[in-house]
């Protein structure tokens, strides 16, 4: 899974640029499979991509177009996908994009993880511990994907903000 350290993400969106360029040969945030969530009121940013969570609610695809790969990445069978957007609605953290009748999942760039290599602050990393991530507290997605990404960022950022206030260190 891709992991973003909220303490070091600067919100530059290089991950979005690199992702869209890697997959589509174009620079467009709409084509990115990773999205930066920004909380202007706190000044915190975080790149959000599929966490390969344990629950995988997106796999409840009515067309059967989705499966999990060996590394937990979500695989799309474009022949079966009917563009119903059910997967987008099911993702509790808003990590699934949608462009021209196709959901956009982080597929780890086939192992290349281009966004990790391009991240200037080193906030992004690839971790193999994806099977341990649980999103049970997020299983009832509320709001649109942007709102869900912001909600996830708030949840991840709150301990960091509190540690800054208290002068303590916390891992994000």
Foldseek 3Di string as FASTA:
>chain_A
DKAFFQVQAQQPCLLQQQQQCLPPVDGDSLSHLWDKAADVVVNIITIDADLLAQVQQLCVDPQNQWDADPLSWIHGDVVSQPLPCVSCQQDLQLSWHDDDSDIRHCPCSVVPVRSCVRRPRNRMDDDSPSNPHHDVVRRNHDDGSNVSNNVVCCVSCVVVVVCVVVVHDDGD
